[in-house]
C-alpha cells in the first residue's frame, strides 16, 4: 500500500476508536502499530493520535504524545488544551495555554479556555480571559468567535453582573453578532440570571428585530435560568408565551417547565405539566 493509503487507514482507525470503541486497549494498540509502521513522525497522524487519546480519556497518554511532538501546529495545541479542559484540569490547561506562542493562538484556543473556566465554575477567570482575548485580538486586527461570547455570557449570568451584561450586549451588537441565534439565546439567559427582566423582554420582543424568532433552545435557556433563580413570574410568563406560540411541547421544553415549577416551589403546577394538562 502507498503512504497515503496507510495514513488513511490509521486515520480511519483513530476516528473509529475515538467515537465508537473509546477503548484504552485499542487506542494503545493502534499507537504501537503506528510506531511499528514508521509513520509516527507524521504530524497529521500524531495530531489524530492525540485526539483519539483525549476522546478515550487517556489524558496522560495524550500529554506524552504532545510532548514528543516537536513540530506542533495549532491543532496540536488546541487538542491538548481541550483535553485538559474537558477533564477538569484547568490549572494544567492554563499553564499550557500560557506556554502557547502568541502567534499560534486562534479563536478556538481562546474560546476553549473561556468556556472551560465557565464550565468548571471559575466565572471571574472566564471574564478575565475574555478581556485578555479582546486586547490581544484588537492588537492583531480582531479575531472573534461568537461562541466565546456565549461562554462569557454564562459566566456573567452566574455572577449576576448587570453592568457587565449591558457591556457585553453592546459589544456583540457593535461586532455584528447581535443577530446570531446562539448570541440571542445567551443574551436572554444572561439577563434572566442577572434579574434584568425588562431587558429580557427587550431582547425577546424587540420589534426592530423581527428576524429574532425564539426557538426551543431560546425557551430552554430561559427556563433553565428561571429555575436557577426561582423566578416564578417570568417562568409562568414564558410558559404562557410557549402555549400561544408553539403547537406542542417537546421533551426538553416539558422537562424545563417541570424543573422550573418544581424549583419555584410549585409542585402542583409541575405535576400538571407532567400529566400534559397544563
Protein backbone atom coordinates (compact mmCIF):
# COMPACT_ATOMS: atom_id res chain seq x y z
CA UNK A 1 0.00 0.00 0.00
CA UNK A 2 1.08 3.57 -0.62
CA UNK A 3 1.90 6.07 2.13
CA UNK A 4 -1.43 7.84 1.58
CA UNK A 5 -3.40 4.59 1.81
CA UNK A 6 -1.71 3.57 5.07
CA UNK A 7 -2.21 7.07 6.51
CA UNK A 8 -5.89 6.90 5.61
CA UNK A 9 -6.25 3.52 7.34
CA UNK A 10 -4.67 4.87 10.52
CA UNK A 11 -6.84 7.99 10.36
CA UNK A 12 -10.00 5.90 9.97
CA UNK A 13 -8.97 3.60 12.83
CA UNK A 14 -8.20 6.53 15.15
CA UNK A 15 -11.52 8.13 14.31
CA UNK A 16 -13.46 4.90 14.85
CA UNK A 17 -11.77 4.34 18.19
CA UNK A 18 -12.47 7.94 19.24
CA UNK A 19 -16.20 7.80 18.62
CA UNK A 20 -17.16 4.12 18.83
CA UNK A 21 -14.85 1.97 20.92
CA UNK A 22 -13.25 4.56 23.22
CA UNK A 23 -11.17 1.62 24.40
CA UNK A 24 -7.83 2.33 26.12
CA UNK A 25 -6.55 -1.09 25.00
CA UNK A 26 -7.41 -0.48 21.33
CA UNK A 27 -6.07 3.09 21.45
CA UNK A 28 -2.69 1.97 22.79
CA UNK A 29 -2.56 -0.92 20.33
CA UNK A 30 -3.11 1.49 17.45
CA UNK A 31 -0.33 3.71 18.81
CA UNK A 32 2.05 0.75 18.87
CA UNK A 33 1.12 -0.15 15.29
CA UNK A 34 1.76 3.45 14.23
CA UNK A 35 5.28 3.27 15.71
CA UNK A 36 5.96 -0.08 14.01
CA UNK A 37 4.82 1.36 10.67
CA UNK A 38 7.39 4.15 10.90
CA UNK A 39 4.70 6.79 10.38
CA UNK A 40 4.94 8.18 13.91
CA UNK A 41 6.71 11.26 12.53
CA UNK A 42 3.66 12.35 10.56
CA UNK A 43 2.22 15.45 12.24
CA UNK A 44 -1.18 14.71 10.72
CA UNK A 45 -1.29 11.23 12.28
CA UNK A 46 0.21 12.38 15.59
CA UNK A 47 -2.47 15.04 15.89
CA UNK A 48 -5.17 12.45 15.30
CA UNK A 49 -3.49 10.06 17.73
CA UNK A 50 -3.54 12.84 20.33
CA UNK A 51 -7.21 13.48 19.61
CA UNK A 52 -8.01 9.76 19.94
CA UNK A 53 -6.30 9.51 23.32
CA UNK A 54 -8.17 12.58 24.57
CA UNK A 55 -11.53 11.18 23.39
CA UNK A 56 -10.74 7.91 25.20
CA UNK A 57 -10.00 9.83 28.42
CA UNK A 58 -6.30 8.86 28.34
CA UNK A 59 -5.01 12.32 29.22
CA UNK A 60 -1.58 11.11 30.41
CA UNK A 61 -1.03 9.24 27.13
CA UNK A 62 -2.24 12.27 25.18
CA UNK A 63 0.19 14.53 27.00
CA UNK A 64 3.07 12.15 26.30
CA UNK A 65 2.27 12.30 22.59
CA UNK A 66 2.05 16.10 22.83
CA UNK A 67 5.47 16.33 24.50
CA UNK A 68 7.02 14.05 21.90
CA UNK A 69 5.58 16.10 19.03
CA UNK A 70 8.28 18.63 18.22
CA UNK A 71 6.79 20.45 15.23
CA UNK A 72 3.41 21.34 16.76
CA UNK A 73 0.76 23.25 14.88
CA UNK A 74 -2.40 24.97 16.08
CA UNK A 75 -4.37 21.70 16.02
CA UNK A 76 -1.79 20.03 18.29
CA UNK A 77 -2.02 22.81 20.88
CA UNK A 78 -5.79 23.19 20.77
CA UNK A 79 -6.45 19.45 21.01
CA UNK A 80 -4.25 19.08 24.08
CA UNK A 81 -5.71 22.14 25.80
CA UNK A 82 -9.24 20.94 25.05
CA UNK A 83 -8.42 17.51 26.50
CA UNK A 84 -7.21 19.09 29.75
CA UNK A 85 -10.22 21.41 29.93
CA UNK A 86 -12.72 18.58 29.38
CA UNK A 87 -11.09 16.55 32.14
CA UNK A 88 -11.37 19.48 34.57
CA UNK A 89 -7.60 20.09 34.73
CA UNK A 90 -7.86 23.83 34.37
CA UNK A 91 -4.53 24.63 36.06
CA UNK A 92 -2.68 22.41 33.59
CA UNK A 93 -4.71 23.80 30.69
CA UNK A 94 -3.89 27.34 31.79
CA UNK A 95 -0.17 26.56 32.06
CA UNK A 96 -0.18 25.06 28.58
CA UNK A 97 -2.16 27.97 27.18
CA UNK A 98 0.39 30.39 28.66
CA UNK A 99 3.22 28.40 27.01
CA UNK A 100 1.46 28.60 23.66
CA UNK A 101 3.17 31.05 21.27
CA UNK A 102 1.04 34.17 20.84
CA UNK A 103 1.27 33.92 17.05
CA UNK A 104 -0.30 30.44 17.20
CA UNK A 105 -3.32 31.24 19.40
CA UNK A 106 -6.56 31.48 17.49
CA UNK A 107 -10.24 31.96 18.33
CA UNK A 108 -10.58 28.24 19.14
CA UNK A 109 -7.77 28.46 21.70
CA UNK A 110 -9.37 31.42 23.47
CA UNK A 111 -12.89 30.01 23.34
CA UNK A 112 -11.71 26.68 24.76
CA UNK A 113 -10.21 28.42 27.79
CA UNK A 114 -13.13 30.81 28.31
CA UNK A 115 -15.73 28.03 28.11
CA UNK A 116 -13.55 25.76 30.24
CA UNK A 117 -13.40 28.28 33.07
CA UNK A 118 -17.17 28.78 32.84
CA UNK A 119 -17.96 25.06 32.81
CA UNK A 120 -15.69 24.43 35.77
CA UNK A 121 -17.15 27.26 37.84
CA UNK A 122 -14.30 29.77 37.51
CA UNK A 123 -16.57 32.55 36.28
CA UNK A 124 -14.37 35.52 37.19
CA UNK A 125 -11.39 33.84 35.48
CA UNK A 126 -13.54 33.29 32.39
CA UNK A 127 -14.29 37.02 32.21
CA UNK A 128 -10.62 37.92 32.77
CA UNK A 129 -9.56 35.62 29.93
CA UNK A 130 -12.26 37.07 27.68
CA UNK A 131 -10.96 40.59 28.37
CA UNK A 132 -7.43 39.45 27.57
CA UNK A 133 -8.67 37.91 24.32
CA UNK A 134 -10.24 41.22 23.31
CA UNK A 135 -6.98 43.08 23.93
CA UNK A 136 -4.91 40.51 22.04
CA UNK A 137 -7.41 40.37 19.17
CA UNK A 138 -7.52 44.16 18.86
CA UNK A 139 -3.74 44.21 18.62
CA UNK A 140 -3.88 41.60 15.86
CA UNK A 141 -6.74 43.10 13.90
CA UNK A 142 -9.64 41.27 15.54
CA UNK A 143 -10.30 37.52 15.58
CA UNK A 144 -13.56 36.87 17.36
CA UNK A 145 -15.71 33.79 17.75
CA UNK A 146 -19.40 34.16 18.72
CA UNK A 147 -19.08 31.10 20.96
CA UNK A 148 -16.54 32.86 23.17
CA UNK A 149 -19.27 35.45 23.81
CA UNK A 150 -21.87 32.81 24.69
CA UNK A 151 -19.47 31.32 27.23
CA UNK A 152 -18.63 34.62 28.88
CA UNK A 153 -22.35 35.49 28.99
CA UNK A 154 -22.95 32.32 31.01
CA UNK A 155 -20.19 33.40 33.39
CA UNK A 156 -21.66 36.89 33.63
CA UNK A 157 -25.11 35.49 34.38
CA UNK A 158 -23.70 33.20 37.07
CA UNK A 159 -22.09 36.22 38.75
CA UNK A 160 -25.25 38.33 38.32
CA UNK A 161 -23.19 41.24 36.97
CA UNK A 162 -25.81 43.50 35.35
CA UNK A 163 -23.31 46.18 34.33
CA UNK A 164 -21.11 43.68 32.51
CA UNK A 165 -24.21 42.17 30.89
CA UNK A 166 -25.05 45.53 29.31
CA UNK A 167 -21.46 45.97 28.14
CA UNK A 168 -21.42 42.52 26.56
CA UNK A 169 -24.72 43.23 24.83
CA UNK A 170 -23.37 46.48 23.39
CA UNK A 171 -20.20 44.72 22.26
CA UNK A 172 -21.93 41.90 20.35
CA UNK A 173 -24.11 44.45 18.57
CA UNK A 174 -21.03 46.54 17.71
CA UNK A 175 -19.20 43.49 16.33
CA UNK A 176 -22.18 42.40 14.26
CA UNK A 177 -23.02 39.24 16.24
CA UNK A 178 -26.35 40.53 17.51
CA UNK A 179 -28.45 38.52 15.05
CA UNK A 180 -26.71 35.18 15.75
CA UNK A 181 -29.23 32.77 17.29
CA UNK A 182 -26.69 31.47 19.81
CA UNK A 183 -25.97 35.06 20.91
CA UNK A 184 -29.65 35.94 21.25
CA UNK A 185 -30.30 32.82 23.33
CA UNK A 186 -27.34 33.63 25.55
CA UNK A 187 -28.42 37.25 25.99
CA UNK A 188 -31.84 36.17 27.21
CA UNK A 189 -30.40 33.62 29.62
CA UNK A 190 -27.81 36.09 30.93
CA UNK A 191 -30.36 38.84 31.59
CA UNK A 192 -32.69 36.43 33.39
CA UNK A 193 -29.90 35.28 35.70
CA UNK A 194 -28.92 38.90 36.34
CA UNK A 195 -32.54 39.69 37.26
CA UNK A 196 -32.96 42.17 34.39
CA UNK A 197 -36.41 41.03 33.34
CA UNK A 198 -37.18 44.27 31.47
CA UNK A 199 -34.11 43.69 29.31
CA UNK A 200 -35.14 40.08 28.74
CA UNK A 201 -38.40 41.38 27.32
CA UNK A 202 -36.49 43.88 25.18
CA UNK A 203 -34.44 41.10 23.62
CA UNK A 204 -37.43 38.79 23.34
CA UNK A 205 -39.94 41.21 21.84
CA UNK A 206 -37.84 43.90 20.14
CA UNK A 207 -39.99 44.86 17.14
CA UNK A 208 -36.99 46.44 15.46
CA UNK A 209 -35.52 42.97 15.06
CA UNK A 210 -38.36 40.93 13.59
CA UNK A 211 -35.93 38.24 12.43
CA UNK A 212 -35.42 37.17 16.04
CA UNK A 213 -37.78 34.23 16.41
CA UNK A 214 -37.31 32.42 19.74
CA UNK A 215 -36.76 28.70 19.23
CA UNK A 216 -36.76 25.71 21.56
CA UNK A 217 -33.17 26.47 22.55
CA UNK A 218 -34.14 30.01 23.50
CA UNK A 219 -37.06 28.84 25.61
CA UNK A 220 -34.94 26.12 27.19
CA UNK A 221 -32.20 28.57 28.07
CA UNK A 222 -34.60 30.97 29.76
CA UNK A 223 -36.45 28.20 31.63
CA UNK A 224 -33.14 26.93 32.96
CA UNK A 225 -32.19 30.44 34.08
CA UNK A 226 -35.60 30.96 35.72
CA UNK A 227 -35.24 27.68 37.58
CA UNK A 228 -31.76 28.60 38.80
CA UNK A 229 -33.03 31.83 40.42
CA UNK A 230 -36.56 30.57 41.26
CA UNK A 231 -38.21 33.31 39.18
CA UNK A 232 -41.82 32.09 39.01
CA UNK A 233 -43.23 35.28 37.49
CA UNK A 234 -41.06 35.24 34.39
CA UNK A 235 -41.21 31.44 34.16
CA UNK A 236 -45.02 31.47 34.12
CA UNK A 237 -44.97 34.35 31.60
CA UNK A 238 -42.71 32.29 29.37
CA UNK A 239 -44.96 29.23 29.76
CA UNK A 240 -47.92 31.29 28.55
CA UNK A 241 -45.93 32.50 25.55
CA UNK A 242 -44.86 28.96 24.69
CA UNK A 243 -48.50 27.85 24.94
CA UNK A 244 -49.53 30.60 22.50
CA UNK A 245 -46.65 30.27 20.05
CA UNK A 246 -45.85 26.56 19.88
CA UNK A 247 -48.10 23.78 18.63
CA UNK A 248 -46.73 21.25 21.09
CA UNK A 249 -44.13 20.75 23.81
CA UNK A 250 -41.08 18.67 23.04
CA UNK A 251 -39.41 16.60 25.74
CA UNK A 252 -36.75 19.22 26.53
CA UNK A 253 -39.26 22.05 26.97
CA UNK A 254 -41.60 19.87 29.00
CA UNK A 255 -38.78 18.87 31.33
CA UNK A 256 -37.67 22.51 31.51
CA UNK A 257 -41.11 23.64 32.62
CA UNK A 258 -41.38 20.85 35.20
CA UNK A 259 -37.95 21.71 36.58
CA UNK A 260 -38.76 25.43 36.70
CA UNK A 261 -42.07 24.98 38.54
CA UNK A 262 -40.55 22.47 40.95
CA UNK A 263 -37.62 24.73 41.84
CA UNK A 264 -40.04 27.63 42.31
CA UNK A 265 -41.94 25.52 44.83
CA UNK A 266 -45.00 24.95 42.64
CA UNK A 267 -45.11 21.15 42.67
CA UNK A 268 -48.80 21.14 41.73
CA UNK A 269 -48.12 23.04 38.50
CA UNK A 270 -45.10 20.84 37.81
CA UNK A 271 -47.35 17.78 38.11
CA UNK A 272 -49.93 19.28 35.74
CA UNK A 273 -47.23 19.87 33.11
CA UNK A 274 -46.00 16.30 33.64
CA UNK A 275 -49.53 14.95 33.11
CA UNK A 276 -49.92 17.10 29.99
CA UNK A 277 -52.83 19.04 31.45
CA UNK A 278 -51.15 22.45 31.64
